[in-house]
């Protein structure tokens, strides 16, 4: 996959502006990329829009809470 398709990387407003978090970007194709904010040229995880939607839905429902 050509990871240059991801633009407008963003991180949570709750991150406090630090570099210890993840960033998310969308591609025009609908694919969502996730990367480590400390390693901007490192690996990127890529998810389909459906996969990302299922994940964020689970987060909102508290499925991953301890």
PDB file of N, CA and C in Angstrom:
ATOM      1  N   UNK A   1       0.844  -1.185   0.000  1.00  0.00           N
ATOM      2  CA  UNK A   1       0.000   0.000   0.000  1.00  0.00           C
ATOM      3  C   UNK A   1       0.888   1.247   0.000  1.00  0.00           C
ATOM      4  N   UNK A   2       0.489   2.209  -0.748  1.00  0.00           N
ATOM      5  CA  UNK A   2       1.191   3.487  -0.809  1.00  0.00           C
ATOM      6  C   UNK A   2       0.704   4.371   0.340  1.00  0.00           C
ATOM      7  N   UNK A   3       1.514   4.518   1.373  1.00  0.00           N
ATOM      8  CA  UNK A   3       1.070   5.241   2.564  1.00  0.00           C
ATOM      9  C   UNK A   3       1.099   6.754   2.400  1.00  0.00           C
ATOM     10  N   UNK A   4       1.500   7.248   1.248  1.00  0.00           N
ATOM     11  CA  UNK A   4       1.422   8.694   1.015  1.00  0.00           C
ATOM     12  C   UNK A   4      -0.016   9.131   0.756  1.00  0.00           C
ATOM     13  N   UNK A   5      -0.950   8.167   0.681  1.00  0.00           N
ATOM     14  CA  UNK A   5      -2.358   8.513   0.462  1.00  0.00           C
ATOM     15  C   UNK A   5      -2.986   9.156   1.688  1.00  0.00           C
ATOM     16  N   UNK A   6      -2.338   9.009   2.850  1.00  0.00           N
ATOM     17  CA  UNK A   6      -2.901   9.570   4.082  1.00  0.00           C
ATOM     18  C   UNK A   6      -2.482  11.027   4.237  1.00  0.00           C
ATOM     19  N   UNK A   7      -3.436  11.873   4.458  1.00  0.00           N
ATOM     20  CA  UNK A   7      -3.182  13.297   4.650  1.00  0.00           C
ATOM     21  C   UNK A   7      -3.908  13.787   5.894  1.00  0.00           C
ATOM     22  N   UNK A   8      -3.536  14.942   6.344  1.00  0.00           N
ATOM     23  CA  UNK A   8      -4.208  15.581   7.490  1.00  0.00           C
ATOM     24  C   UNK A   8      -4.200  14.718   8.744  1.00  0.00           C
ATOM     25  N   UNK A   9      -3.009  14.297   9.136  1.00  0.00           N
ATOM     26  CA  UNK A   9      -2.877  13.520  10.362  1.00  0.00           C
ATOM     27  C   UNK A   9      -3.365  14.350  11.539  1.00  0.00           C
ATOM     28  N   UNK A  10      -4.070  13.703  12.461  1.00  0.00           N
ATOM     29  CA  UNK A  10      -4.571  14.400  13.644  1.00  0.00           C
ATOM     30  C   UNK A  10      -4.479  13.485  14.847  1.00  0.00           C
ATOM     31  N   UNK A  11      -4.419  14.106  16.026  1.00  0.00           N
ATOM     32  CA  UNK A  11      -4.430  13.331  17.262  1.00  0.00           C
ATOM     33  C   UNK A  11      -5.485  13.911  18.179  1.00  0.00           C
ATOM     34  N   UNK A  12      -5.807  13.182  19.202  1.00  0.00           N
ATOM     35  CA  UNK A  12      -6.864  13.584  20.115  1.00  0.00           C
ATOM     36  C   UNK A  12      -6.567  14.932  20.757  1.00  0.00           C
ATOM     37  N   UNK A  13      -7.598  15.718  20.922  1.00  0.00           N
ATOM     38  CA  UNK A  13      -7.441  16.992  21.636  1.00  0.00           C
ATOM     39  C   UNK A  13      -7.106  16.745  23.102  1.00  0.00           C
ATOM     40  N   UNK A  14      -7.337  15.545  23.573  1.00  0.00           N
ATOM     41  CA  UNK A  14      -7.020  15.185  24.964  1.00  0.00           C
ATOM     42  C   UNK A  14      -5.571  14.753  25.140  1.00  0.00           C
ATOM     43  N   UNK A  15      -4.807  14.756  24.064  1.00  0.00           N
ATOM     44  CA  UNK A  15      -3.416  14.309  24.154  1.00  0.00           C
ATOM     45  C   UNK A  15      -2.524  15.325  24.854  1.00  0.00           C
ATOM     46  N   UNK A  16      -2.989  16.532  25.010  1.00  0.00           N
ATOM     47  CA  UNK A  16      -2.212  17.551  25.697  1.00  0.00           C
ATOM     48  C   UNK A  16      -1.069  18.099  24.863  1.00  0.00           C
ATOM     49  N   UNK A  17      -1.069  17.814  23.573  1.00  0.00           N
ATOM     50  CA  UNK A  17      -0.029  18.336  22.696  1.00  0.00           C
ATOM     51  C   UNK A  17       1.287  17.594  22.773  1.00  0.00           C
ATOM     52  N   UNK A  18       1.345  16.527  23.561  1.00  0.00           N
ATOM     53  CA  UNK A  18       2.580  15.757  23.679  1.00  0.00           C
ATOM     54  C   UNK A  18       2.795  14.851  22.485  1.00  0.00           C
ATOM     55  N   UNK A  19       3.925  14.144  22.506  1.00  0.00           N
ATOM     56  CA  UNK A  19       4.246  13.240  21.412  1.00  0.00           C
ATOM     57  C   UNK A  19       4.044  11.776  21.782  1.00  0.00           C
ATOM     58  N   UNK A  20       3.318  11.522  22.841  1.00  0.00           N
ATOM     59  CA  UNK A  20       3.140  10.154  23.312  1.00  0.00           C
ATOM     60  C   UNK A  20       1.716   9.685  23.021  1.00  0.00           C
ATOM     61  N   UNK A  21       1.370   9.649  21.753  1.00  0.00           N
ATOM     62  CA  UNK A  21       0.019   9.246  21.391  1.00  0.00           C
ATOM     63  C   UNK A  21       0.015   8.715  19.963  1.00  0.00           C
ATOM     64  N   UNK A  22      -1.153   8.394  19.478  1.00  0.00           N
ATOM     65  CA  UNK A  22      -1.298   7.942  18.104  1.00  0.00           C
ATOM     66  C   UNK A  22      -1.963   9.035  17.281  1.00  0.00           C
ATOM     67  N   UNK A  23      -1.734   8.979  15.978  1.00  0.00           N
ATOM     68  CA  UNK A  23      -2.367   9.905  15.055  1.00  0.00           C
ATOM     69  C   UNK A  23      -3.187   9.102  14.050  1.00  0.00           C
ATOM     70  N   UNK A  24      -4.245   9.724  13.563  1.00  0.00           N
ATOM     71  CA  UNK A  24      -5.157   9.077  12.628  1.00  0.00           C
ATOM     72  C   UNK A  24      -5.311   9.961  11.402  1.00  0.00           C
ATOM     73  N   UNK A  25      -5.400   9.340  10.227  1.00  0.00           N
ATOM     74  CA  UNK A  25      -5.639  10.076   8.981  1.00  0.00           C
ATOM     75  C   UNK A  25      -6.506   9.222   8.070  1.00  0.00           C
ATOM     76  N   UNK A  26      -7.265   9.879   7.225  1.00  0.00           N
ATOM     77  CA  UNK A  26      -8.103   9.187   6.249  1.00  0.00           C
ATOM     78  C   UNK A  26      -7.550   9.422   4.855  1.00  0.00           C
ATOM     79  N   UNK A  27      -7.751   8.434   4.015  1.00  0.00           N
ATOM     80  CA  UNK A  27      -7.384   8.555   2.605  1.00  0.00           C
ATOM     81  C   UNK A  27      -8.654   8.807   1.800  1.00  0.00           C
ATOM     82  N   UNK A  28      -8.498   9.327   0.615  1.00  0.00           N
ATOM     83  CA  UNK A  28      -9.647   9.585  -0.252  1.00  0.00           C
ATOM     84  C   UNK A  28     -10.412   8.295  -0.564  1.00  0.00           C
ATOM     85  N   UNK A  29      -9.728   7.172  -0.471  1.00  0.00           N
ATOM     86  CA  UNK A  29     -10.356   5.868  -0.740  1.00  0.00           C
ATOM     87  C   UNK A  29     -11.207   5.380   0.423  1.00  0.00           C
ATOM     88  N   UNK A  30     -11.140   6.062   1.574  1.00  0.00           N
ATOM     89  CA  UNK A  30     -11.884   5.649   2.754  1.00  0.00           C
ATOM     90  C   UNK A  30     -11.061   4.859   3.746  1.00  0.00           C
ATOM     91  N   UNK A  31      -9.856   4.464   3.360  1.00  0.00           N
ATOM     92  CA  UNK A  31      -8.971   3.729   4.266  1.00  0.00           C
ATOM     93  C   UNK A  31      -8.510   4.673   5.381  1.00  0.00           C
ATOM     94  N   UNK A  32      -8.412   4.149   6.601  1.00  0.00           N
ATOM     95  CA  UNK A  32      -7.982   4.935   7.750  1.00  0.00           C
ATOM     96  C   UNK A  32      -6.604   4.441   8.187  1.00  0.00           C
ATOM     97  N   UNK A  33      -5.674   5.374   8.372  1.00  0.00           N
ATOM     98  CA  UNK A  33      -4.329   5.045   8.811  1.00  0.00           C
ATOM     99  C   UNK A  33      -4.110   5.477  10.250  1.00  0.00           C
ATOM    100  N   UNK A  34      -3.334   4.684  10.981  1.00  0.00           N
ATOM    101  CA  UNK A  34      -3.000   4.978  12.374  1.00  0.00           C
ATOM    102  C   UNK A  34      -1.498   4.829  12.527  1.00  0.00           C
ATOM    103  N   UNK A  35      -0.857   5.826  13.159  1.00  0.00           N
ATOM    104  CA  UNK A  35       0.597   5.761  13.358  1.00  0.00           C
ATOM    105  C   UNK A  35       0.964   6.302  14.729  1.00  0.00           C
ATOM    106  N   UNK A  36       2.181   5.993  15.143  1.00  0.00           N
ATOM    107  CA  UNK A  36       2.755   6.473  16.399  1.00  0.00           C
ATOM    108  C   UNK A  36       3.258   7.894  16.181  1.00  0.00           C
ATOM    109  N   UNK A  37       2.839   8.825  17.017  1.00  0.00           N
ATOM    110  CA  UNK A  37       3.235  10.225  16.834  1.00  0.00           C
ATOM    111  C   UNK A  37       4.727  10.449  17.076  1.00  0.00           C
ATOM    112  N   UNK A  38       5.399   9.513  17.748  1.00  0.00           N
ATOM    113  CA  UNK A  38       6.838   9.643  17.988  1.00  0.00           C
ATOM    114  C   UNK A  38       7.669   9.149  16.805  1.00  0.00           C
ATOM    115  N   UNK A  39       7.044   8.425  15.883  1.00  0.00           N
ATOM    116  CA  UNK A  39       7.763   7.817  14.767  1.00  0.00           C
ATOM    117  C   UNK A  39       7.004   8.104  13.472  1.00  0.00           C
ATOM    118  N   UNK A  40       7.098   9.324  12.994  1.00  0.00           N
ATOM    119  CA  UNK A  40       6.307   9.770  11.852  1.00  0.00           C
ATOM    120  C   UNK A  40       6.634   9.056  10.553  1.00  0.00           C
ATOM    121  N   UNK A  41       7.807   8.479  10.457  1.00  0.00           N
ATOM    122  CA  UNK A  41       8.169   7.737   9.249  1.00  0.00           C
ATOM    123  C   UNK A  41       8.116   6.232   9.465  1.00  0.00           C
ATOM    124  N   UNK A  42       7.611   5.828  10.609  1.00  0.00           N
ATOM    125  CA  UNK A  42       7.526   4.409  10.929  1.00  0.00           C
ATOM    126  C   UNK A  42       6.311   3.752  10.308  1.00  0.00           C
ATOM    127  N   UNK A  43       5.992   2.560  10.757  1.00  0.00           N
ATOM    128  CA  UNK A  43       4.886   1.807  10.171  1.00  0.00           C
ATOM    129  C   UNK A  43       3.535   2.479  10.408  1.00  0.00           C
ATOM    130  N   UNK A  44       2.621   2.210   9.508  1.00  0.00           N
ATOM    131  CA  UNK A  44       1.257   2.710   9.595  1.00  0.00           C
ATOM    132  C   UNK A  44       0.318   1.515   9.528  1.00  0.00           C
ATOM    133  N   UNK A  45      -0.614   1.460  10.448  1.00  0.00           N
ATOM    134  CA  UNK A  45      -1.662   0.447  10.390  1.00  0.00           C
ATOM    135  C   UNK A  45      -2.772   0.991   9.512  1.00  0.00           C
ATOM    136  N   UNK A  46      -3.300   0.177   8.618  1.00  0.00           N
ATOM    137  CA  UNK A  46      -4.362   0.608   7.717  1.00  0.00           C
ATOM    138  C   UNK A  46      -5.617  -0.225   7.965  1.00  0.00           C
ATOM    139  N   UNK A  47      -6.767   0.456   8.044  1.00  0.00           N
ATOM    140  CA  UNK A  47      -8.043  -0.189   8.302  1.00  0.00           C
ATOM    141  C   UNK A  47      -9.070   0.264   7.278  1.00  0.00           C
ATOM    142  N   UNK A  48      -9.983  -0.619   6.936  1.00  0.00           N
ATOM    143  CA  UNK A  48     -11.090  -0.203   6.081  1.00  0.00           C
ATOM    144  C   UNK A  48     -12.000   0.715   6.894  1.00  0.00           C
ATOM    145  N   UNK A  49     -12.847   1.443   6.213  1.00  0.00           N
ATOM    146  CA  UNK A  49     -13.793   2.320   6.910  1.00  0.00           C
ATOM    147  C   UNK A  49     -14.700   1.507   7.838  1.00  0.00           C
ATOM    148  N   UNK A  50     -15.102   0.320   7.408  1.00  0.00           N
ATOM    149  CA  UNK A  50     -15.958  -0.533   8.237  1.00  0.00           C
ATOM    150  C   UNK A  50     -15.229  -1.016   9.490  1.00  0.00           C
ATOM    151  N   UNK A  51     -13.978  -1.408   9.335  1.00  0.00           N
ATOM    152  CA  UNK A  51     -13.188  -1.850  10.499  1.00  0.00           C
ATOM    153  C   UNK A  51     -13.014  -0.713  11.493  1.00  0.00           C
ATOM    154  N   UNK A  52     -12.673   0.472  10.977  1.00  0.00           N
ATOM    155  CA  UNK A  52     -12.464   1.622  11.861  1.00  0.00           C
ATOM    156  C   UNK A  52     -13.776   2.008  12.539  1.00  0.00           C
ATOM    157  N   UNK A  53     -14.862   1.972  11.809  1.00  0.00           N
ATOM    158  CA  UNK A  53     -16.170   2.278  12.382  1.00  0.00           C
ATOM    159  C   UNK A  53     -16.544   1.312  13.494  1.00  0.00           C
ATOM    160  N   UNK A  54     -16.284   0.022  13.290  1.00  0.00           N
ATOM    161  CA  UNK A  54     -16.575  -0.975  14.322  1.00  0.00           C
ATOM    162  C   UNK A  54     -15.718  -0.736  15.564  1.00  0.00           C
ATOM    163  N   UNK A  55     -14.450  -0.388  15.353  1.00  0.00           N
ATOM    164  CA  UNK A  55     -13.562  -0.110  16.488  1.00  0.00           C
ATOM    165  C   UNK A  55     -14.038   1.108  17.278  1.00  0.00           C
ATOM    166  N   UNK A  56     -14.279   2.226  16.591  1.00  0.00           N
ATOM    167  CA  UNK A  56     -14.685   3.440  17.310  1.00  0.00           C
ATOM    168  C   UNK A  56     -16.050   3.267  17.970  1.00  0.00           C
ATOM    169  N   UNK A  57     -16.922   2.487  17.358  1.00  0.00           N
ATOM    170  CA  UNK A  57     -18.219   2.194  17.973  1.00  0.00           C
ATOM    171  C   UNK A  57     -18.014   1.423  19.278  1.00  0.00           C
ATOM    172  N   UNK A  58     -17.120   0.433  19.239  1.00  0.00           N
ATOM    173  CA  UNK A  58     -16.806  -0.334  20.447  1.00  0.00           C
ATOM    174  C   UNK A  58     -16.209   0.526  21.534  1.00  0.00           C
ATOM    175  N   UNK A  59     -15.367   1.480  21.157  1.00  0.00           N
ATOM    176  CA  UNK A  59     -14.785   2.402  22.142  1.00  0.00           C
ATOM    177  C   UNK A  59     -15.898   3.198  22.819  1.00  0.00           C
ATOM    178  N   UNK A  60     -16.800   3.729  22.011  1.00  0.00           N
ATOM    179  CA  UNK A  60     -17.902   4.539  22.572  1.00  0.00           C
ATOM    180  C   UNK A  60     -18.796   3.726  23.497  1.00  0.00           C
ATOM    181  N   UNK A  61     -18.939   2.429  23.196  1.00  0.00           N
ATOM    182  CA  UNK A  61     -19.775   1.571  24.044  1.00  0.00           C
ATOM    183  C   UNK A  61     -19.062   1.058  25.288  1.00  0.00           C
ATOM    184  N   UNK A  62     -17.764   1.321  25.375  1.00  0.00           N
ATOM    185  CA  UNK A  62     -16.993   0.875  26.530  1.00  0.00           C
ATOM    186  C   UNK A  62     -16.545  -0.573  26.445  1.00  0.00           C
ATOM    187  N   UNK A  63     -16.554  -1.156  25.260  1.00  0.00           N
ATOM    188  CA  UNK A  63     -16.168  -2.557  25.102  1.00  0.00           C
ATOM    189  C   UNK A  63     -14.730  -2.846  25.526  1.00  0.00           C
ATOM    190  N   UNK A  64     -13.887  -1.830  25.523  1.00  0.00           N
ATOM    191  CA  UNK A  64     -12.472  -2.046  25.824  1.00  0.00           C
ATOM    192  C   UNK A  64     -12.083  -1.522  27.197  1.00  0.00           C
ATOM    193  N   UNK A  65     -13.070  -1.063  27.958  1.00  0.00           N
ATOM    194  CA  UNK A  65     -12.788  -0.559  29.304  1.00  0.00           C
ATOM    195  C   UNK A  65     -12.378  -1.726  30.197  1.00  0.00           C
ATOM    196  N   UNK A  66     -11.498  -1.436  31.113  1.00  0.00           N
ATOM    197  CA  UNK A  66     -11.055  -2.484  32.044  1.00  0.00           C
ATOM    198  C   UNK A  66     -12.011  -2.609  33.183  1.00  0.00           C
TER     199      UNK A  66
END
